[in-house]
Amino acid sequence: MLDTATLAIRGRKIQLEGILGDDDRRAVRSLARFLRRREVICELSGAPERYRCNVDGQDLSEVILATGALAQPPSAGRIACG
Protein backbone atom coordinates (compact mmCIF):
# COMPACT_ATOMS: atom_id res chain seq x y z
CA MET A 1 0.00 0.00 0.00
CA LEU A 2 1.36 3.38 -1.00
CA ASP A 3 -1.68 5.20 0.38
CA THR A 4 -5.33 4.28 0.96
CA ALA A 5 -6.08 4.51 -2.78
CA THR A 6 -2.92 3.05 -4.29
CA LEU A 7 -1.71 -0.53 -4.20
CA ALA A 8 1.74 -1.63 -5.26
CA ILE A 9 1.45 -5.06 -6.88
CA ARG A 10 4.48 -6.64 -8.52
CA GLY A 11 6.06 -3.25 -9.13
CA ARG A 12 2.91 -1.70 -10.61
CA LYS A 13 0.86 1.11 -9.12
CA ILE A 14 -2.84 0.27 -8.99
CA GLN A 15 -5.08 3.31 -8.40
CA LEU A 16 -8.44 2.33 -6.92
CA GLU A 17 -11.65 3.70 -8.46
CA GLY A 18 -13.62 6.05 -6.24
CA ILE A 19 -11.09 6.57 -3.43
CA LEU A 20 -8.99 9.62 -2.58
CA GLY A 21 -5.53 8.66 -1.40
CA ASP A 22 -4.70 9.29 2.24
CA ASP A 23 -1.16 8.66 3.43
CA ASP A 24 -2.12 8.41 7.11
CA ARG A 25 0.36 5.79 8.32
CA ARG A 26 -2.12 4.05 10.62
CA ALA A 27 -4.75 3.74 7.89
CA VAL A 28 -2.22 2.47 5.35
CA ARG A 29 -0.72 -0.01 7.84
CA SER A 30 -4.18 -1.29 8.80
CA LEU A 31 -5.14 -1.79 5.18
CA ALA A 32 -1.84 -3.51 4.41
CA ARG A 33 -2.49 -5.94 7.29
CA PHE A 34 -5.99 -6.63 5.95
CA LEU A 35 -4.60 -7.43 2.50
CA ARG A 36 -1.67 -9.54 3.72
CA ARG A 37 -1.78 -13.08 2.31
CA ARG A 38 -5.08 -12.42 0.52
CA GLU A 39 -5.58 -12.69 -3.19
CA VAL A 40 -6.33 -9.29 -4.74
CA ILE A 41 -7.99 -9.39 -8.16
CA CYS A 42 -8.04 -6.11 -10.09
CA GLU A 43 -9.43 -5.03 -13.44
CA LEU A 44 -9.67 -1.69 -15.21
CA SER A 45 -12.79 0.20 -14.14
CA GLY A 46 -13.38 2.20 -17.29
CA ALA A 47 -11.97 5.41 -15.80
CA PRO A 48 -8.46 6.21 -17.04
CA GLU A 49 -5.79 4.51 -14.93
CA ARG A 50 -8.33 3.37 -12.29
CA TYR A 51 -9.06 -0.15 -11.15
CA ARG A 52 -11.76 -2.08 -9.30
CA CYS A 53 -10.22 -4.67 -7.02
CA ASN A 54 -11.81 -7.53 -5.12
CA VAL A 55 -10.56 -9.27 -1.99
CA ASP A 56 -12.40 -12.29 -0.61
CA GLY A 57 -15.39 -11.43 -2.81
CA GLN A 58 -15.57 -7.85 -1.51
CA ASP A 59 -15.04 -4.67 -3.51
CA LEU A 60 -11.87 -3.22 -2.01
CA SER A 61 -13.03 0.38 -2.59
CA GLU A 62 -16.19 -0.32 -0.57
CA VAL A 63 -14.13 -1.90 2.22
CA ILE A 64 -11.89 1.17 2.35
CA LEU A 65 -14.86 3.55 2.36
CA ALA A 66 -16.48 1.58 5.18
CA THR A 67 -13.39 2.25 7.29
CA GLY A 68 -13.77 6.00 6.87
CA ALA A 69 -11.61 6.86 3.86
CA LEU A 70 -12.67 9.75 1.65
CA ALA A 71 -14.62 9.05 -1.51
CA GLN A 72 -13.55 10.65 -4.74
CA PRO A 73 -16.11 13.23 -5.92
CA PRO A 74 -18.39 11.63 -8.57
CA SER A 75 -17.20 13.94 -11.35
CA ALA A 76 -13.47 13.59 -10.64
CA GLY A 77 -11.60 11.78 -13.35
CA ARG A 78 -14.70 10.94 -15.38
CA ILE A 79 -15.56 11.88 -18.91
CA ALA A 80 -19.19 12.30 -19.91
CA CYS A 81 -20.24 10.08 -22.79
CA GLY A 82 -23.10 11.14 -25.04
PDB file of N, CA and C in Angstrom:
ATOM      1  N   MET A   1       0.841  -1.173   0.000  1.00  0.00           N
ATOM      2  CA  MET A   1       0.000   0.000   0.000  1.00  0.00           C
ATOM      3  C   MET A   1       0.889   1.240   0.000  1.00  0.00           C
ATOM      4  N   LEU A   2       0.644   2.103  -0.965  1.00  0.00           N
ATOM      5  CA  LEU A   2       1.359   3.377  -0.996  1.00  0.00           C
ATOM      6  C   LEU A   2       0.558   4.449  -0.266  1.00  0.00           C
ATOM      7  N   ASP A   3      -0.744   4.386  -0.392  1.00  0.00           N
ATOM      8  CA  ASP A   3      -1.683   5.202   0.376  1.00  0.00           C
ATOM      9  C   ASP A   3      -3.010   4.445   0.348  1.00  0.00           C
ATOM     10  N   THR A   4      -4.077   5.027   0.873  1.00  0.00           N
ATOM     11  CA  THR A   4      -5.329   4.277   0.959  1.00  0.00           C
ATOM     12  C   THR A   4      -6.014   4.067  -0.387  1.00  0.00           C
ATOM     13  N   ALA A   5      -5.495   4.669  -1.453  1.00  0.00           N
ATOM     14  CA  ALA A   5      -6.081   4.507  -2.780  1.00  0.00           C
ATOM     15  C   ALA A   5      -5.134   3.870  -3.782  1.00  0.00           C
ATOM     16  N   THR A   6      -3.927   3.537  -3.349  1.00  0.00           N
ATOM     17  CA  THR A   6      -2.921   3.047  -4.294  1.00  0.00           C
ATOM     18  C   THR A   6      -2.245   1.791  -3.762  1.00  0.00           C
ATOM     19  N   LEU A   7      -2.386   0.718  -4.530  1.00  0.00           N
ATOM     20  CA  LEU A   7      -1.710  -0.531  -4.202  1.00  0.00           C
ATOM     21  C   LEU A   7      -0.433  -0.622  -5.024  1.00  0.00           C
ATOM     22  N   ALA A   8       0.543  -1.300  -4.503  1.00  0.00           N
ATOM     23  CA  ALA A   8       1.745  -1.627  -5.265  1.00  0.00           C
ATOM     24  C   ALA A   8       1.747  -3.145  -5.404  1.00  0.00           C
ATOM     25  N   ILE A   9       1.517  -3.618  -6.620  1.00  0.00           N
ATOM     26  CA  ILE A   9       1.445  -5.060  -6.877  1.00  0.00           C
ATOM     27  C   ILE A   9       2.455  -5.399  -7.959  1.00  0.00           C
ATOM     28  N   ARG A  10       3.433  -6.204  -7.585  1.00  0.00           N
ATOM     29  CA  ARG A  10       4.483  -6.637  -8.521  1.00  0.00           C
ATOM     30  C   ARG A  10       5.105  -5.467  -9.275  1.00  0.00           C
ATOM     31  N   GLY A  11       5.388  -4.405  -8.542  1.00  0.00           N
ATOM     32  CA  GLY A  11       6.056  -3.252  -9.125  1.00  0.00           C
ATOM     33  C   GLY A  11       5.147  -2.299  -9.880  1.00  0.00           C
ATOM     34  N   ARG A  12       3.848  -2.585  -9.915  1.00  0.00           N
ATOM     35  CA  ARG A  12       2.906  -1.705 -10.615  1.00  0.00           C
ATOM     36  C   ARG A  12       2.058  -0.941  -9.611  1.00  0.00           C
ATOM     37  N   LYS A  13       1.768   0.309  -9.952  1.00  0.00           N
ATOM     38  CA  LYS A  13       0.859   1.108  -9.125  1.00  0.00           C
ATOM     39  C   LYS A  13      -0.568   0.872  -9.613  1.00  0.00           C
ATOM     40  N   ILE A  14      -1.437   0.512  -8.684  1.00  0.00           N
ATOM     41  CA  ILE A  14      -2.839   0.270  -8.994  1.00  0.00           C
ATOM     42  C   ILE A  14      -3.654   1.324  -8.250  1.00  0.00           C
ATOM     43  N   GLN A  15      -4.249   2.261  -8.989  1.00  0.00           N
ATOM     44  CA  GLN A  15      -5.079   3.311  -8.401  1.00  0.00           C
ATOM     45  C   GLN A  15      -6.514   2.795  -8.310  1.00  0.00           C
ATOM     46  N   LEU A  16      -7.084   2.822  -7.122  1.00  0.00           N
ATOM     47  CA  LEU A  16      -8.443   2.329  -6.924  1.00  0.00           C
ATOM     48  C   LEU A  16      -9.486   3.346  -7.366  1.00  0.00           C
ATOM     49  N   GLU A  17     -10.525   2.868  -8.025  1.00  0.00           N
ATOM     50  CA  GLU A  17     -11.651   3.696  -8.461  1.00  0.00           C
ATOM     51  C   GLU A  17     -12.430   4.198  -7.252  1.00  0.00           C
ATOM     52  N   GLY A  18     -12.728   5.494  -7.227  1.00  0.00           N
ATOM     53  CA  GLY A  18     -13.623   6.054  -6.236  1.00  0.00           C
ATOM     54  C   GLY A  18     -13.036   6.394  -4.884  1.00  0.00           C
ATOM     55  N   ILE A  19     -11.724   6.310  -4.722  1.00  0.00           N
ATOM     56  CA  ILE A  19     -11.091   6.567  -3.430  1.00  0.00           C
ATOM     57  C   ILE A  19     -10.057   7.674  -3.585  1.00  0.00           C
ATOM     58  N   LEU A  20     -10.054   8.618  -2.644  1.00  0.00           N
ATOM     59  CA  LEU A  20      -8.994   9.617  -2.581  1.00  0.00           C
ATOM     60  C   LEU A  20      -7.873   9.071  -1.705  1.00  0.00           C
ATOM     61  N   GLY A  21      -6.658   9.172  -2.162  1.00  0.00           N
ATOM     62  CA  GLY A  21      -5.528   8.659  -1.398  1.00  0.00           C
ATOM     63  C   GLY A  21      -5.279   9.436  -0.121  1.00  0.00           C
ATOM     64  N   ASP A  22      -5.043   8.707   0.943  1.00  0.00           N
ATOM     65  CA  ASP A  22      -4.703   9.292   2.242  1.00  0.00           C
ATOM     66  C   ASP A  22      -3.447   8.573   2.702  1.00  0.00           C
ATOM     67  N   ASP A  23      -2.405   9.308   3.021  1.00  0.00           N
ATOM     68  CA  ASP A  23      -1.161   8.657   3.426  1.00  0.00           C
ATOM     69  C   ASP A  23      -1.013   8.541   4.940  1.00  0.00           C
ATOM     70  N   ASP A  24      -2.135   8.627   5.665  1.00  0.00           N
ATOM     71  CA  ASP A  24      -2.120   8.415   7.111  1.00  0.00           C
ATOM     72  C   ASP A  24      -1.512   7.041   7.395  1.00  0.00           C
ATOM     73  N   ARG A  25      -0.405   7.026   8.108  1.00  0.00           N
ATOM     74  CA  ARG A  25       0.360   5.792   8.320  1.00  0.00           C
ATOM     75  C   ARG A  25      -0.465   4.696   8.975  1.00  0.00           C
ATOM     76  N   ARG A  26      -1.300   5.066   9.943  1.00  0.00           N
ATOM     77  CA  ARG A  26      -2.116   4.045  10.619  1.00  0.00           C
ATOM     78  C   ARG A  26      -3.130   3.427   9.668  1.00  0.00           C
ATOM     79  N   ALA A  27      -3.763   4.246   8.847  1.00  0.00           N
ATOM     80  CA  ALA A  27      -4.747   3.736   7.893  1.00  0.00           C
ATOM     81  C   ALA A  27      -4.081   2.838   6.858  1.00  0.00           C
ATOM     82  N   VAL A  28      -2.944   3.253   6.351  1.00  0.00           N
ATOM     83  CA  VAL A  28      -2.222   2.470   5.345  1.00  0.00           C
ATOM     84  C   VAL A  28      -1.744   1.151   5.954  1.00  0.00           C
ATOM     85  N   ARG A  29      -1.202   1.199   7.168  1.00  0.00           N
ATOM     86  CA  ARG A  29      -0.720  -0.009   7.840  1.00  0.00           C
ATOM     87  C   ARG A  29      -1.875  -0.978   8.102  1.00  0.00           C
ATOM     88  N   SER A  30      -3.004  -0.467   8.535  1.00  0.00           N
ATOM     89  CA  SER A  30      -4.175  -1.291   8.800  1.00  0.00           C
ATOM     90  C   SER A  30      -4.668  -1.971   7.526  1.00  0.00           C
ATOM     91  N   LEU A  31      -4.713  -1.225   6.448  1.00  0.00           N
ATOM     92  CA  LEU A  31      -5.140  -1.792   5.176  1.00  0.00           C
ATOM     93  C   LEU A  31      -4.149  -2.825   4.666  1.00  0.00           C
ATOM     94  N   ALA A  32      -2.875  -2.550   4.820  1.00  0.00           N
ATOM     95  CA  ALA A  32      -1.845  -3.513   4.408  1.00  0.00           C
ATOM     96  C   ALA A  32      -1.986  -4.821   5.191  1.00  0.00           C
ATOM     97  N   ARG A  33      -2.274  -4.725   6.490  1.00  0.00           N
ATOM     98  CA  ARG A  33      -2.492  -5.940   7.289  1.00  0.00           C
ATOM     99  C   ARG A  33      -3.708  -6.707   6.794  1.00  0.00           C
ATOM    100  N   PHE A  34      -4.784  -5.989   6.469  1.00  0.00           N
ATOM    101  CA  PHE A  34      -5.993  -6.627   5.954  1.00  0.00           C
ATOM    102  C   PHE A  34      -5.699  -7.392   4.668  1.00  0.00           C
ATOM    103  N   LEU A  35      -4.875  -6.818   3.793  1.00  0.00           N
ATOM    104  CA  LEU A  35      -4.595  -7.433   2.498  1.00  0.00           C
ATOM    105  C   LEU A  35      -3.547  -8.544   2.556  1.00  0.00           C
ATOM    106  N   ARG A  36      -2.758  -8.567   3.623  1.00  0.00           N
ATOM    107  CA  ARG A  36      -1.674  -9.536   3.718  1.00  0.00           C
ATOM    108  C   ARG A  36      -2.186 -10.961   3.501  1.00  0.00           C
ATOM    109  N   ARG A  37      -1.510 -11.676   2.623  1.00  0.00           N
ATOM    110  CA  ARG A  37      -1.783 -13.076   2.307  1.00  0.00           C
ATOM    111  C   ARG A  37      -3.171 -13.322   1.712  1.00  0.00           C
ATOM    112  N   ARG A  38      -3.797 -12.278   1.209  1.00  0.00           N
ATOM    113  CA  ARG A  38      -5.080 -12.419   0.522  1.00  0.00           C
ATOM    114  C   ARG A  38      -4.860 -12.189  -0.968  1.00  0.00           C
ATOM    115  N   GLU A  39      -5.645 -12.886  -1.747  1.00  0.00           N
ATOM    116  CA  GLU A  39      -5.585 -12.687  -3.193  1.00  0.00           C
ATOM    117  C   GLU A  39      -6.362 -11.418  -3.548  1.00  0.00           C
ATOM    118  N   VAL A  40      -5.714 -10.535  -4.283  1.00  0.00           N
ATOM    119  CA  VAL A  40      -6.327  -9.293  -4.742  1.00  0.00           C
ATOM    120  C   VAL A  40      -6.474  -9.405  -6.253  1.00  0.00           C
ATOM    121  N   ILE A  41      -7.710  -9.290  -6.727  1.00  0.00           N
ATOM    122  CA  ILE A  41      -7.992  -9.387  -8.158  1.00  0.00           C
ATOM    123  C   ILE A  41      -8.461  -8.024  -8.640  1.00  0.00           C
ATOM    124  N   CYS A  42      -7.728  -7.455  -9.607  1.00  0.00           N
ATOM    125  CA  CYS A  42      -8.039  -6.111 -10.092  1.00  0.00           C
ATOM    126  C   CYS A  42      -8.290  -6.125 -11.593  1.00  0.00           C
ATOM    127  N   GLU A  43      -9.196  -5.238 -12.008  1.00  0.00           N
ATOM    128  CA  GLU A  43      -9.431  -5.031 -13.437  1.00  0.00           C
ATOM    129  C   GLU A  43      -9.715  -3.557 -13.673  1.00  0.00           C
ATOM    130  N   LEU A  44      -9.429  -3.100 -14.884  1.00  0.00           N
ATOM    131  CA  LEU A  44      -9.674  -1.694 -15.208  1.00  0.00           C
ATOM    132  C   LEU A  44     -11.145  -1.367 -15.004  1.00  0.00           C
ATOM    133  N   SER A  45     -11.413  -0.186 -14.475  1.00  0.00           N
ATOM    134  CA  SER A  45     -12.789   0.195 -14.142  1.00  0.00           C
ATOM    135  C   SER A  45     -13.515   0.904 -15.273  1.00  0.00           C
ATOM    136  N   GLY A  46     -12.790   1.379 -16.236  1.00  0.00           N
ATOM    137  CA  GLY A  46     -13.381   2.196 -17.290  1.00  0.00           C
ATOM    138  C   GLY A  46     -12.888   3.630 -17.201  1.00  0.00           C
ATOM    139  N   ALA A  47     -12.574   4.083 -15.985  1.00  0.00           N
ATOM    140  CA  ALA A  47     -11.973   5.406 -15.800  1.00  0.00           C
ATOM    141  C   ALA A  47     -10.479   5.277 -16.116  1.00  0.00           C
ATOM    142  N   PRO A  48      -9.885   6.299 -16.703  1.00  0.00           N
ATOM    143  CA  PRO A  48      -8.461   6.211 -17.037  1.00  0.00           C
ATOM    144  C   PRO A  48      -7.591   5.887 -15.822  1.00  0.00           C
ATOM    145  N   GLU A  49      -6.771   4.864 -15.962  1.00  0.00           N
ATOM    146  CA  GLU A  49      -5.789   4.505 -14.931  1.00  0.00           C
ATOM    147  C   GLU A  49      -6.402   4.108 -13.591  1.00  0.00           C
ATOM    148  N   ARG A  50      -7.673   3.751 -13.541  1.00  0.00           N
ATOM    149  CA  ARG A  50      -8.332   3.370 -12.286  1.00  0.00           C
ATOM    150  C   ARG A  50      -8.787   1.917 -12.365  1.00  0.00           C
ATOM    151  N   TYR A  51      -8.735   1.266 -11.214  1.00  0.00           N
ATOM    152  CA  TYR A  51      -9.064  -0.154 -11.147  1.00  0.00           C
ATOM    153  C   TYR A  51     -10.120  -0.431 -10.090  1.00  0.00           C
ATOM    154  N   ARG A  52     -10.880  -1.491 -10.310  1.00  0.00           N
ATOM    155  CA  ARG A  52     -11.762  -2.077  -9.301  1.00  0.00           C
ATOM    156  C   ARG A  52     -11.078  -3.352  -8.860  1.00  0.00           C
ATOM    157  N   CYS A  53     -10.897  -3.491  -7.558  1.00  0.00           N
ATOM    158  CA  CYS A  53     -10.223  -4.670  -7.017  1.00  0.00           C
ATOM    159  C   CYS A  53     -11.151  -5.399  -6.047  1.00  0.00           C
ATOM    160  N   ASN A  54     -11.038  -6.698  -6.029  1.00  0.00           N
ATOM    161  CA  ASN A  54     -11.810  -7.526  -5.119  1.00  0.00           C
ATOM    162  C   ASN A  54     -10.887  -8.333  -4.238  1.00  0.00           C
ATOM    163  N   VAL A  55     -11.287  -8.478  -2.975  1.00  0.00           N
ATOM    164  CA  VAL A  55     -10.559  -9.269  -1.994  1.00  0.00           C
ATOM    165  C   VAL A  55     -11.601 -10.104  -1.254  1.00  0.00           C
ATOM    166  N   ASP A  56     -11.441 -11.407  -1.279  1.00  0.00           N
ATOM    167  CA  ASP A  56     -12.401 -12.294  -0.605  1.00  0.00           C
ATOM    168  C   ASP A  56     -13.833 -11.996  -1.025  1.00  0.00           C
ATOM    169  N   GLY A  57     -14.051 -11.695  -2.306  1.00  0.00           N
ATOM    170  CA  GLY A  57     -15.385 -11.433  -2.808  1.00  0.00           C
ATOM    171  C   GLY A  57     -15.942 -10.064  -2.467  1.00  0.00           C
ATOM    172  N   GLN A  58     -15.133  -9.203  -1.884  1.00  0.00           N
ATOM    173  CA  GLN A  58     -15.571  -7.854  -1.507  1.00  0.00           C
ATOM    174  C   GLN A  58     -14.879  -6.818  -2.386  1.00  0.00           C
ATOM    175  N   ASP A  59     -15.620  -5.785  -2.760  1.00  0.00           N
ATOM    176  CA  ASP A  59     -15.043  -4.674  -3.515  1.00  0.00           C
ATOM    177  C   ASP A  59     -14.119  -3.911  -2.569  1.00  0.00           C
ATOM    178  N   LEU A  60     -12.847  -3.846  -2.902  1.00  0.00           N
ATOM    179  CA  LEU A  60     -11.868  -3.215  -2.015  1.00  0.00           C
ATOM    180  C   LEU A  60     -12.178  -1.733  -1.778  1.00  0.00           C
ATOM    181  N   SER A  61     -12.674  -1.026  -2.787  1.00  0.00           N
ATOM    182  CA  SER A  61     -13.033   0.382  -2.592  1.00  0.00           C
ATOM    183  C   SER A  61     -14.127   0.523  -1.536  1.00  0.00           C
ATOM    184  N   GLU A  62     -15.109  -0.371  -1.559  1.00  0.00           N
ATOM    185  CA  GLU A  62     -16.188  -0.324  -0.565  1.00  0.00           C
ATOM    186  C   GLU A  62     -15.666  -0.640   0.833  1.00  0.00           C
ATOM    187  N   VAL A  63     -14.735  -1.577   0.923  1.00  0.00           N
ATOM    188  CA  VAL A  63     -14.131  -1.905   2.217  1.00  0.00           C
ATOM    189  C   VAL A  63     -13.409  -0.678   2.771  1.00  0.00           C
ATOM    190  N   ILE A  64     -12.652  -0.007   1.923  1.00  0.00           N
ATOM    191  CA  ILE A  64     -11.893   1.170   2.349  1.00  0.00           C
ATOM    192  C   ILE A  64     -12.845   2.294   2.772  1.00  0.00           C
ATOM    193  N   LEU A  65     -13.895   2.518   1.997  1.00  0.00           N
ATOM    194  CA  LEU A  65     -14.861   3.555   2.356  1.00  0.00           C
ATOM    195  C   LEU A  65     -15.556   3.238   3.678  1.00  0.00           C
ATOM    196  N   ALA A  66     -15.828   1.976   3.933  1.00  0.00           N
ATOM    197  CA  ALA A  66     -16.483   1.575   5.183  1.00  0.00           C
ATOM    198  C   ALA A  66     -15.608   1.863   6.394  1.00  0.00           C
ATOM    199  N   THR A  67     -14.292   1.961   6.172  1.00  0.00           N
ATOM    200  CA  THR A  67     -13.387   2.247   7.286  1.00  0.00           C
ATOM    201  C   THR A  67     -13.175   3.745   7.488  1.00  0.00           C
ATOM    202  N   GLY A  68     -13.834   4.568   6.668  1.00  0.00           N
ATOM    203  CA  GLY A  68     -13.768   6.000   6.873  1.00  0.00           C
ATOM    204  C   GLY A  68     -12.905   6.776   5.907  1.00  0.00           C
ATOM    205  N   ALA A  69     -12.410   6.137   4.855  1.00  0.00           N
ATOM    206  CA  ALA A  69     -11.608   6.863   3.858  1.00  0.00           C
ATOM    207  C   ALA A  69     -12.509   7.803   3.069  1.00  0.00           C
ATOM    208  N   LEU A  70     -11.908   8.778   2.438  1.00  0.00           N
ATOM    209  CA  LEU A  70     -12.668   9.750   1.653  1.00  0.00           C
ATOM    210  C   LEU A  70     -12.983   9.205   0.270  1.00  0.00           C
ATOM    211  N   ALA A  71     -14.210   9.433  -0.152  1.00  0.00           N
ATOM    212  CA  ALA A  71     -14.622   9.048  -1.505  1.00  0.00           C
ATOM    213  C   ALA A  71     -14.189  10.132  -2.479  1.00  0.00           C
ATOM    214  N   GLN A  72     -13.878   9.715  -3.688  1.00  0.00           N
ATOM    215  CA  GLN A  72     -13.550  10.648  -4.742  1.00  0.00           C
ATOM    216  C   GLN A  72     -14.856  11.290  -5.206  1.00  0.00           C
ATOM    217  N   PRO A  73     -14.883  12.591  -5.423  1.00  0.00           N
ATOM    218  CA  PRO A  73     -16.109  13.228  -5.921  1.00  0.00           C
ATOM    219  C   PRO A  73     -16.564  12.545  -7.213  1.00  0.00           C
ATOM    220  N   PRO A  74     -17.879  12.377  -7.414  1.00  0.00           N
ATOM    221  CA  PRO A  74     -18.391  11.633  -8.571  1.00  0.00           C
ATOM    222  C   PRO A  74     -17.873  12.131  -9.912  1.00  0.00           C
ATOM    223  N   SER A  75     -17.636  13.425 -10.066  1.00  0.00           N
ATOM    224  CA  SER A  75     -17.197  13.945 -11.351  1.00  0.00           C
ATOM    225  C   SER A  75     -15.695  13.869 -11.556  1.00  0.00           C
ATOM    226  N   ALA A  76     -14.927  13.591 -10.527  1.00  0.00           N
ATOM    227  CA  ALA A  76     -13.466  13.586 -10.639  1.00  0.00           C
ATOM    228  C   ALA A  76     -12.992  12.450 -11.519  1.00  0.00           C
ATOM    229  N   GLY A  77     -12.213  12.782 -12.506  1.00  0.00           N
ATOM    230  CA  GLY A  77     -11.604  11.777 -13.348  1.00  0.00           C
ATOM    231  C   GLY A  77     -12.550  11.064 -14.283  1.00  0.00           C
ATOM    232  N   ARG A  78     -13.746  11.596 -14.503  1.00  0.00           N
ATOM    233  CA  ARG A  78     -14.699  10.941 -15.383  1.00  0.00           C
ATOM    234  C   ARG A  78     -14.986  11.816 -16.574  1.00  0.00           C
ATOM    235  N   ILE A  79     -15.251  11.174 -17.678  1.00  0.00           N
ATOM    236  CA  ILE A  79     -15.556  11.876 -18.907  1.00  0.00           C
ATOM    237  C   ILE A  79     -16.997  11.533 -19.280  1.00  0.00           C
ATOM    238  N   ALA A  80     -17.803  12.541 -19.541  1.00  0.00           N
ATOM    239  CA  ALA A  80     -19.189  12.299 -19.911  1.00  0.00           C
ATOM    240  C   ALA A  80     -19.244  11.720 -21.315  1.00  0.00           C
ATOM    241  N   CYS A  81     -20.056  10.699 -21.485  1.00  0.00           N
ATOM    242  CA  CYS A  81     -20.245  10.080 -22.795  1.00  0.00           C
ATOM    243  C   CYS A  81     -21.668  10.364 -23.262  1.00  0.00           C
ATOM    244  N   GLY A  82     -21.812  10.730 -24.517  1.00  0.00           N
ATOM    245  CA  GLY A  82     -23.096  11.139 -25.038  1.00  0.00           C
ATOM    246  C   GLY A  82     -23.992  10.029 -25.312  1.00  0.00           C
TER     247      GLY A  82
END
